[in-house]
Amino acid sequence: MKLDPPLQTQPGYVDGWGLHVVEGLSLLRLYMAGGFCTILSLILYIALLVTWKSRQDAAATAGMCFAILGLLLMGVQLRQREV
């Protein structure tokens, strides 16, 4: 005698045993990228401040790291919407 009824499926869903996949950005990778960018920009700022001796030039160049990170994250989000 079977205790459990057979699995029923609805249109658009597949019920059963297994993993439930949630698509989206990985927050851990997002935080890692932000932390890496922060550390890299600080190192770049200090190195350029010592060599160029100009605070504005060093800060503008180090700030480009965050601009590039923002553009890359925007590209990732736009690409996820297409899929």
C-alpha atoms as a PDB file:
ATOM      1  CA  MET A   1       0.000   0.000   0.000  1.00  0.00           C
ATOM      2  CA  LYS A   2       1.412   3.404  -1.051  1.00  0.00           C
ATOM      3  CA  LEU A   3       1.273   6.083   1.654  1.00  0.00           C
ATOM      4  CA  ASP A   4       2.235   9.164  -0.354  1.00  0.00           C
ATOM      5  CA  PRO A   5       0.193  10.315  -3.363  1.00  0.00           C
ATOM      6  CA  PRO A   6       2.028  10.738  -6.681  1.00  0.00           C
ATOM      7  CA  LEU A   7       3.589  14.105  -7.404  1.00  0.00           C
ATOM      8  CA  GLN A   8       1.311  16.570  -9.173  1.00  0.00           C
ATOM      9  CA  THR A   9       2.706  19.248 -11.448  1.00  0.00           C
ATOM     10  CA  GLN A  10       1.232  22.630 -12.247  1.00  0.00           C
ATOM     11  CA  PRO A  11       1.883  24.569 -15.449  1.00  0.00           C
ATOM     12  CA  GLY A  12       5.193  26.404 -15.093  1.00  0.00           C
ATOM     13  CA  TYR A  13       6.261  24.519 -11.954  1.00  0.00           C
ATOM     14  CA  VAL A  14       7.987  21.233 -11.414  1.00  0.00           C
ATOM     15  CA  ASP A  15       7.346  19.782  -7.980  1.00  0.00           C
ATOM     16  CA  GLY A  16       9.578  17.119  -6.604  1.00  0.00           C
ATOM     17  CA  TRP A  17      12.577  16.431  -4.458  1.00  0.00           C
ATOM     18  CA  GLY A  18      15.812  18.296  -4.959  1.00  0.00           C
ATOM     19  CA  LEU A  19      17.288  21.739  -4.859  1.00  0.00           C
ATOM     20  CA  HIS A  20      15.423  25.011  -5.112  1.00  0.00           C
ATOM     21  CA  VAL A  21      17.519  27.357  -7.235  1.00  0.00           C
ATOM     22  CA  VAL A  22      17.184  31.084  -6.617  1.00  0.00           C
ATOM     23  CA  GLU A  23      18.733  33.193  -9.357  1.00  0.00           C
ATOM     24  CA  GLY A  24      20.284  36.548  -8.606  1.00  0.00           C
ATOM     25  CA  LEU A  25      23.418  38.290  -7.498  1.00  0.00           C
ATOM     26  CA  SER A  26      25.523  36.610  -4.850  1.00  0.00           C
ATOM     27  CA  LEU A  27      25.752  39.030  -1.939  1.00  0.00           C
ATOM     28  CA  LEU A  28      28.992  37.421  -0.767  1.00  0.00           C
ATOM     29  CA  ARG A  29      30.634  38.038  -4.137  1.00  0.00           C
ATOM     30  CA  LEU A  30      29.224  41.558  -4.205  1.00  0.00           C
ATOM     31  CA  TYR A  31      30.731  42.343  -0.793  1.00  0.00           C
ATOM     32  CA  MET A  32      34.016  40.720  -1.797  1.00  0.00           C
ATOM     33  CA  ALA A  33      34.200  42.862  -4.942  1.00  0.00           C
ATOM     34  CA  GLY A  34      33.427  46.006  -2.946  1.00  0.00           C
ATOM     35  CA  GLY A  35      36.042  45.171  -0.315  1.00  0.00           C
ATOM     36  CA  PHE A  36      38.641  44.352  -2.934  1.00  0.00           C
ATOM     37  CA  CYS A  37      37.903  47.604  -4.752  1.00  0.00           C
ATOM     38  CA  THR A  38      38.178  49.593  -1.511  1.00  0.00           C
ATOM     39  CA  ILE A  39      41.539  48.054  -0.591  1.00  0.00           C
ATOM     40  CA  LEU A  40      42.849  48.441  -4.126  1.00  0.00           C
ATOM     41  CA  SER A  41      41.818  52.100  -4.300  1.00  0.00           C
ATOM     42  CA  LEU A  42      43.442  52.857  -0.931  1.00  0.00           C
ATOM     43  CA  ILE A  43      46.707  51.233  -2.026  1.00  0.00           C
ATOM     44  CA  LEU A  44      46.543  53.046  -5.345  1.00  0.00           C
ATOM     45  CA  TYR A  45      45.781  56.361  -3.607  1.00  0.00           C
ATOM     46  CA  ILE A  46      48.744  56.026  -1.244  1.00  0.00           C
ATOM     47  CA  ALA A  47      51.109  54.980  -4.022  1.00  0.00           C
ATOM     48  CA  LEU A  48      50.057  57.828  -6.285  1.00  0.00           C
ATOM     49  CA  LEU A  49      50.100  60.341  -3.435  1.00  0.00           C
ATOM     50  CA  VAL A  50      53.722  59.449  -2.694  1.00  0.00           C
ATOM     51  CA  THR A  51      54.812  59.556  -6.334  1.00  0.00           C
ATOM     52  CA  TRP A  52      52.735  62.458  -7.709  1.00  0.00           C
ATOM     53  CA  LYS A  53      52.495  64.499  -4.464  1.00  0.00           C
ATOM     54  CA  SER A  54      49.092  65.746  -5.602  1.00  0.00           C
ATOM     55  CA  ARG A  55      46.081  64.774  -3.514  1.00  0.00           C
ATOM     56  CA  GLN A  56      43.517  65.613  -6.193  1.00  0.00           C
ATOM     57  CA  ASP A  57      45.176  63.587  -8.947  1.00  0.00           C
ATOM     58  CA  ALA A  58      45.673  60.597  -6.669  1.00  0.00           C
ATOM     59  CA  ALA A  59      42.073  60.688  -5.387  1.00  0.00           C
ATOM     60  CA  ALA A  60      40.624  61.029  -8.892  1.00  0.00           C
ATOM     61  CA  THR A  61      42.643  58.088 -10.173  1.00  0.00           C
ATOM     62  CA  ALA A  62      41.772  55.913  -7.158  1.00  0.00           C
ATOM     63  CA  GLY A  63      38.109  56.919  -7.501  1.00  0.00           C
ATOM     64  CA  MET A  64      38.079  55.380 -10.959  1.00  0.00           C
ATOM     65  CA  CYS A  65      38.159  51.950  -9.257  1.00  0.00           C
ATOM     66  CA  PHE A  66      34.713  52.609  -7.810  1.00  0.00           C
ATOM     67  CA  ALA A  67      33.410  53.979 -11.088  1.00  0.00           C
ATOM     68  CA  ILE A  68      34.564  50.842 -12.907  1.00  0.00           C
ATOM     69  CA  LEU A  69      33.061  48.622 -10.180  1.00  0.00           C
ATOM     70  CA  GLY A  70      29.723  50.435 -10.534  1.00  0.00           C
ATOM     71  CA  LEU A  71      29.728  50.006 -14.302  1.00  0.00           C
ATOM     72  CA  LEU A  72      30.567  46.308 -14.026  1.00  0.00           C
ATOM     73  CA  LEU A  73      27.795  45.692 -11.500  1.00  0.00           C
ATOM     74  CA  MET A  74      25.329  47.582 -13.687  1.00  0.00           C
ATOM     75  CA  GLY A  75      26.343  45.389 -16.630  1.00  0.00           C
ATOM     76  CA  VAL A  76      25.825  42.231 -14.567  1.00  0.00           C
ATOM     77  CA  GLN A  77      22.346  43.342 -13.511  1.00  0.00           C
ATOM     78  CA  LEU A  78      21.341  44.274 -17.046  1.00  0.00           C
ATOM     79  CA  ARG A  79      22.588  40.943 -18.338  1.00  0.00           C
ATOM     80  CA  GLN A  80      20.568  39.071 -15.687  1.00  0.00           C
ATOM     81  CA  ARG A  81      17.357  40.802 -16.824  1.00  0.00           C
ATOM     82  CA  GLU A  82      17.887  39.587 -20.382  1.00  0.00           C
ATOM     83  CA  VAL A  83      18.089  35.954 -19.327  1.00  0.00           C
END
